[in-house]
Amino acid sequence: MTAQAEATNLHRRNTECRNRSIDVRRGPDEAQGRPLYPERPLWLRGDETRLEQVFVNLLLNSAKYTDVGGDIGLSITREGDEALIAVRDTGIGIAASVLPRVFDLYVQGNPSSRDGGLGLGLPLVRALVECHGGHVTAASEGIGRGSEFCVRLPAFT
């Protein structure tokens, strides 16, 4: 990864985010024999550690709520001036009543299922993405139908 360092103070908190160019292209999906990622590197400007936190959280949630044998996918595309990174799975899904609040503090889709967390991960994802000038959305066709989380971030040109 290549980096351009600049200091930025976000949201008047004592949080210093270093602006970096991060290559999010990783390689082909060998199991499917098709590329998941753009042909050319797609660069993001942001704090590498915080962006890693975002995607690790989303991928771990997918793994946590998808049964063995289920599918978890990651796709990276460029749409205009934005990078679109989508994490989708065939897991337990999200109830329609919970979906509008899924990024709110302490909200849990099904606290009695699996290894229910504290309801802090997705609010953190949203806050970190917004600190980077992006936004995140969640979609699900309901319980048992999987979910998809889409992160849009400004692409570095």
C-alpha atoms as a PDB file:
ATOM      1  CA  MET A   1       0.000   0.000   0.000  1.00  0.00           C
ATOM      2  CA  THR A   2       1.186   3.477  -0.791  1.00  0.00           C
ATOM      3  CA  ALA A   3       0.489   6.359   1.509  1.00  0.00           C
ATOM      4  CA  GLN A   4       0.383  10.127   1.394  1.00  0.00           C
ATOM      5  CA  ALA A   5       0.360  11.441   4.939  1.00  0.00           C
ATOM      6  CA  GLU A   6      -1.628  14.499   5.938  1.00  0.00           C
ATOM      7  CA  ALA A   7      -3.106  15.146   9.363  1.00  0.00           C
ATOM      8  CA  THR A   8      -6.771  15.932   9.730  1.00  0.00           C
ATOM      9  CA  ASN A   9      -8.878  16.380  12.860  1.00  0.00           C
ATOM     10  CA  LEU A  10     -12.359  14.932  12.352  1.00  0.00           C
ATOM     11  CA  HIS A  11     -15.521  16.035  14.151  1.00  0.00           C
ATOM     12  CA  ARG A  12     -13.617  18.167  16.672  1.00  0.00           C
ATOM     13  CA  ARG A  13     -12.791  15.075  18.647  1.00  0.00           C
ATOM     14  CA  ASN A  14      -9.244  14.211  19.512  1.00  0.00           C
ATOM     15  CA  THR A  15      -9.355  11.734  16.677  1.00  0.00           C
ATOM     16  CA  GLU A  16      -6.610  12.234  14.186  1.00  0.00           C
ATOM     17  CA  CYS A  17      -7.220  10.549  10.878  1.00  0.00           C
ATOM     18  CA  ARG A  18      -4.283  10.370   8.534  1.00  0.00           C
ATOM     19  CA  ASN A  19      -5.247  10.802   4.931  1.00  0.00           C
ATOM     20  CA  ARG A  20      -3.835   7.932   2.926  1.00  0.00           C
ATOM     21  CA  SER A  21      -4.316   6.502  -0.491  1.00  0.00           C
ATOM     22  CA  ILE A  22      -5.260   2.862  -0.004  1.00  0.00           C
ATOM     23  CA  ASP A  23      -5.286   0.315  -2.821  1.00  0.00           C
ATOM     24  CA  VAL A  24      -8.395  -1.787  -2.180  1.00  0.00           C
ATOM     25  CA  ARG A  25      -7.821  -4.111  -5.141  1.00  0.00           C
ATOM     26  CA  ARG A  26      -6.774  -7.519  -3.918  1.00  0.00           C
ATOM     27  CA  GLY A  27      -7.131 -10.076  -6.726  1.00  0.00           C
ATOM     28  CA  PRO A  28      -9.464 -12.532  -8.420  1.00  0.00           C
ATOM     29  CA  ASP A  29     -12.133 -14.683  -6.847  1.00  0.00           C
ATOM     30  CA  GLU A  30     -10.400 -17.980  -7.558  1.00  0.00           C
ATOM     31  CA  ALA A  31     -13.374 -20.123  -6.561  1.00  0.00           C
ATOM     32  CA  GLN A  32     -15.648 -18.502  -9.148  1.00  0.00           C
ATOM     33  CA  GLY A  33     -12.937 -17.757 -11.707  1.00  0.00           C
ATOM     34  CA  ARG A  34     -14.123 -14.148 -12.110  1.00  0.00           C
ATOM     35  CA  PRO A  35     -12.643 -10.873 -10.892  1.00  0.00           C
ATOM     36  CA  LEU A  36     -14.318  -9.335  -7.865  1.00  0.00           C
ATOM     37  CA  TYR A  37     -12.259  -6.185  -7.996  1.00  0.00           C
ATOM     38  CA  PRO A  38     -11.632  -3.462 -10.544  1.00  0.00           C
ATOM     39  CA  GLU A  39      -9.053  -4.019 -13.262  1.00  0.00           C
ATOM     40  CA  ARG A  40      -7.058  -1.001 -12.093  1.00  0.00           C
ATOM     41  CA  PRO A  41      -6.290  -0.048  -8.499  1.00  0.00           C
ATOM     42  CA  LEU A  42      -9.062   1.874  -6.745  1.00  0.00           C
ATOM     43  CA  TRP A  43      -7.641   4.342  -4.265  1.00  0.00           C
ATOM     44  CA  LEU A  44      -9.357   5.740  -1.191  1.00  0.00           C
ATOM     45  CA  ARG A  45      -8.233   8.735   0.803  1.00  0.00           C
ATOM     46  CA  GLY A  46      -8.510   7.997   4.503  1.00  0.00           C
ATOM     47  CA  ASP A  47      -7.127   6.492   7.638  1.00  0.00           C
ATOM     48  CA  GLU A  48      -6.016   2.969   6.780  1.00  0.00           C
ATOM     49  CA  THR A  49      -6.573   1.644  10.308  1.00  0.00           C
ATOM     50  CA  ARG A  50     -10.102   3.039  10.609  1.00  0.00           C
ATOM     51  CA  LEU A  51     -11.128   1.854   7.148  1.00  0.00           C
ATOM     52  CA  GLU A  52      -9.777  -1.591   7.973  1.00  0.00           C
ATOM     53  CA  GLN A  53     -11.939  -1.490  11.121  1.00  0.00           C
ATOM     54  CA  VAL A  54     -15.013  -0.793   8.972  1.00  0.00           C
ATOM     55  CA  PHE A  55     -14.488  -3.712   6.612  1.00  0.00           C
ATOM     56  CA  VAL A  56     -13.300  -6.186   9.224  1.00  0.00           C
ATOM     57  CA  ASN A  57     -16.438  -5.414  11.263  1.00  0.00           C
ATOM     58  CA  LEU A  58     -18.739  -5.960   8.270  1.00  0.00           C
ATOM     59  CA  LEU A  59     -16.987  -9.163   7.203  1.00  0.00           C
ATOM     60  CA  LEU A  60     -16.928 -10.571  10.747  1.00  0.00           C
ATOM     61  CA  ASN A  61     -20.643  -9.832  11.121  1.00  0.00           C
ATOM     62  CA  SER A  62     -21.303 -11.702   7.891  1.00  0.00           C
ATOM     63  CA  ALA A  63     -19.248 -14.658   9.097  1.00  0.00           C
ATOM     64  CA  LYS A  64     -20.962 -14.606  12.486  1.00  0.00           C
ATOM     65  CA  TYR A  65     -24.474 -14.674  11.053  1.00  0.00           C
ATOM     66  CA  THR A  66     -23.923 -17.008   8.088  1.00  0.00           C
ATOM     67  CA  ASP A  67     -24.071 -20.763   8.590  1.00  0.00           C
ATOM     68  CA  VAL A  68     -21.240 -23.024   7.466  1.00  0.00           C
ATOM     69  CA  GLY A  69     -21.763 -23.583   3.746  1.00  0.00           C
ATOM     70  CA  GLY A  70     -23.342 -20.163   3.274  1.00  0.00           C
ATOM     71  CA  ASP A  71     -21.859 -17.507   1.028  1.00  0.00           C
ATOM     72  CA  ILE A  72     -20.137 -14.236   1.878  1.00  0.00           C
ATOM     73  CA  GLY A  73     -19.188 -11.918  -0.951  1.00  0.00           C
ATOM     74  CA  LEU A  74     -17.135  -8.763  -1.261  1.00  0.00           C
ATOM     75  CA  SER A  75     -17.231  -6.552  -4.322  1.00  0.00           C
ATOM     76  CA  ILE A  76     -15.390  -3.349  -5.081  1.00  0.00           C
ATOM     77  CA  THR A  77     -16.410  -1.034  -7.905  1.00  0.00           C
ATOM     78  CA  ARG A  78     -16.079   2.576  -8.883  1.00  0.00           C
ATOM     79  CA  GLU A  79     -19.198   4.640  -9.535  1.00  0.00           C
ATOM     80  CA  GLY A  80     -18.280   8.119 -10.681  1.00  0.00           C
ATOM     81  CA  ASP A  81     -16.197   9.777  -7.953  1.00  0.00           C
ATOM     82  CA  GLU A  82     -17.045   7.095  -5.389  1.00  0.00           C
ATOM     83  CA  ALA A  83     -15.749   3.689  -4.436  1.00  0.00           C
ATOM     84  CA  LEU A  84     -18.569   1.233  -3.696  1.00  0.00           C
ATOM     85  CA  ILE A  85     -17.574  -1.656  -1.464  1.00  0.00           C
ATOM     86  CA  ALA A  86     -20.358  -4.181  -0.836  1.00  0.00           C
ATOM     87  CA  VAL A  87     -20.365  -7.038   1.668  1.00  0.00           C
ATOM     88  CA  ARG A  88     -23.213  -9.487   1.131  1.00  0.00           C
ATOM     89  CA  ASP A  89     -24.084 -12.806   2.673  1.00  0.00           C
ATOM     90  CA  THR A  90     -26.691 -15.558   2.701  1.00  0.00           C
ATOM     91  CA  GLY A  91     -26.963 -15.440   6.490  1.00  0.00           C
ATOM     92  CA  ILE A  92     -29.881 -14.964   8.864  1.00  0.00           C
ATOM     93  CA  GLY A  93     -30.874 -11.606   7.394  1.00  0.00           C
ATOM     94  CA  ILE A  94     -32.383  -8.583   9.101  1.00  0.00           C
ATOM     95  CA  ALA A  95     -36.065  -8.126   9.957  1.00  0.00           C
ATOM     96  CA  ALA A  96     -37.805  -5.263   8.136  1.00  0.00           C
ATOM     97  CA  SER A  97     -38.693  -3.693  11.499  1.00  0.00           C
ATOM     98  CA  VAL A  98     -35.015  -3.536  12.512  1.00  0.00           C
ATOM     99  CA  LEU A  99     -33.512  -2.451   9.193  1.00  0.00           C
ATOM    100  CA  PRO A 100     -34.164   1.320   9.557  1.00  0.00           C
ATOM    101  CA  ARG A 101     -32.466   1.273  12.998  1.00  0.00           C
ATOM    102  CA  VAL A 102     -29.635  -1.167  12.326  1.00  0.00           C
ATOM    103  CA  PHE A 103     -26.973   1.583  12.629  1.00  0.00           C
ATOM    104  CA  ASP A 104     -28.402   2.976  15.892  1.00  0.00           C
ATOM    105  CA  LEU A 105     -26.567   2.367  19.161  1.00  0.00           C
ATOM    106  CA  TYR A 106     -27.454  -0.841  21.031  1.00  0.00           C
ATOM    107  CA  VAL A 107     -29.794  -2.140  18.304  1.00  0.00           C
ATOM    108  CA  GLN A 108     -29.550  -5.890  17.815  1.00  0.00           C
ATOM    109  CA  GLY A 109     -31.391  -7.775  15.102  1.00  0.00           C
ATOM    110  CA  ASN A 110     -31.976 -10.852  17.237  1.00  0.00           C
ATOM    111  CA  PRO A 111     -30.231 -10.600  20.615  1.00  0.00           C
ATOM    112  CA  SER A 112     -31.020 -14.206  21.513  1.00  0.00           C
ATOM    113  CA  SER A 113     -29.491 -15.631  18.342  1.00  0.00           C
ATOM    114  CA  ARG A 114     -25.907 -16.767  17.942  1.00  0.00           C
ATOM    115  CA  ASP A 115     -23.251 -14.712  19.569  1.00  0.00           C
ATOM    116  CA  GLY A 116     -25.232 -11.464  19.868  1.00  0.00           C
ATOM    117  CA  GLY A 117     -23.009  -8.453  20.341  1.00  0.00           C
ATOM    118  CA  LEU A 118     -23.651  -5.233  22.205  1.00  0.00           C
ATOM    119  CA  GLY A 119     -25.042  -3.283  19.260  1.00  0.00           C
ATOM    120  CA  LEU A 120     -21.914  -1.128  18.957  1.00  0.00           C
ATOM    121  CA  GLY A 121     -20.240  -2.427  15.795  1.00  0.00           C
ATOM    122  CA  LEU A 122     -22.557  -1.041  13.124  1.00  0.00           C
ATOM    123  CA  PRO A 123     -22.878   2.404  14.751  1.00  0.00           C
ATOM    124  CA  LEU A 124     -19.075   2.525  14.791  1.00  0.00           C
ATOM    125  CA  VAL A 125     -19.003   1.509  11.111  1.00  0.00           C
ATOM    126  CA  ARG A 126     -21.406   4.331  10.265  1.00  0.00           C
ATOM    127  CA  ALA A 127     -19.446   6.912  12.281  1.00  0.00           C
ATOM    128  CA  LEU A 128     -16.110   5.950  10.712  1.00  0.00           C
ATOM    129  CA  VAL A 129     -17.520   5.934   7.178  1.00  0.00           C
ATOM    130  CA  GLU A 130     -19.132   9.344   7.712  1.00  0.00           C
ATOM    131  CA  CYS A 131     -15.843  10.702   9.134  1.00  0.00           C
ATOM    132  CA  HIS A 132     -14.327   9.804   5.783  1.00  0.00           C
ATOM    133  CA  GLY A 133     -17.027  11.667   3.831  1.00  0.00           C
ATOM    134  CA  GLY A 134     -18.929   8.535   2.873  1.00  0.00           C
ATOM    135  CA  HIS A 135     -22.109   6.717   3.791  1.00  0.00           C
ATOM    136  CA  VAL A 136     -23.172   3.155   4.487  1.00  0.00           C
ATOM    137  CA  THR A 137     -26.473   1.406   3.842  1.00  0.00           C
ATOM    138  CA  ALA A 138     -27.948  -1.937   4.854  1.00  0.00           C
ATOM    139  CA  ALA A 139     -30.409  -4.062   2.902  1.00  0.00           C
ATOM    140  CA  SER A 140     -32.083  -7.389   3.547  1.00  0.00           C
ATOM    141  CA  GLU A 141     -35.111  -9.144   2.146  1.00  0.00           C
ATOM    142  CA  GLY A 142     -35.912 -10.338   5.675  1.00  0.00           C
ATOM    143  CA  ILE A 143     -35.174 -13.106   8.120  1.00  0.00           C
ATOM    144  CA  GLY A 144     -33.400 -16.035   6.493  1.00  0.00           C
ATOM    145  CA  ARG A 145     -32.676 -14.056   3.305  1.00  0.00           C
ATOM    146  CA  GLY A 146     -29.175 -12.688   3.946  1.00  0.00           C
ATOM    147  CA  SER A 147     -28.034  -9.089   4.008  1.00  0.00           C
ATOM    148  CA  GLU A 148     -25.958  -6.575   2.116  1.00  0.00           C
ATOM    149  CA  PHE A 149     -23.983  -3.636   3.464  1.00  0.00           C
ATOM    150  CA  CYS A 150     -22.784  -1.040   0.954  1.00  0.00           C
ATOM    151  CA  VAL A 151     -20.098   1.473   1.818  1.00  0.00           C
ATOM    152  CA  ARG A 152     -19.616   4.461  -0.461  1.00  0.00           C
ATOM    153  CA  LEU A 153     -16.458   6.495  -0.029  1.00  0.00           C
ATOM    154  CA  PRO A 154     -14.877   9.263  -2.068  1.00  0.00           C
ATOM    155  CA  ALA A 155     -12.407   7.715  -4.496  1.00  0.00           C
ATOM    156  CA  PHE A 156      -8.976   9.253  -4.728  1.00  0.00           C
ATOM    157  CA  THR A 157      -8.109  10.378  -8.241  1.00  0.00           C
END
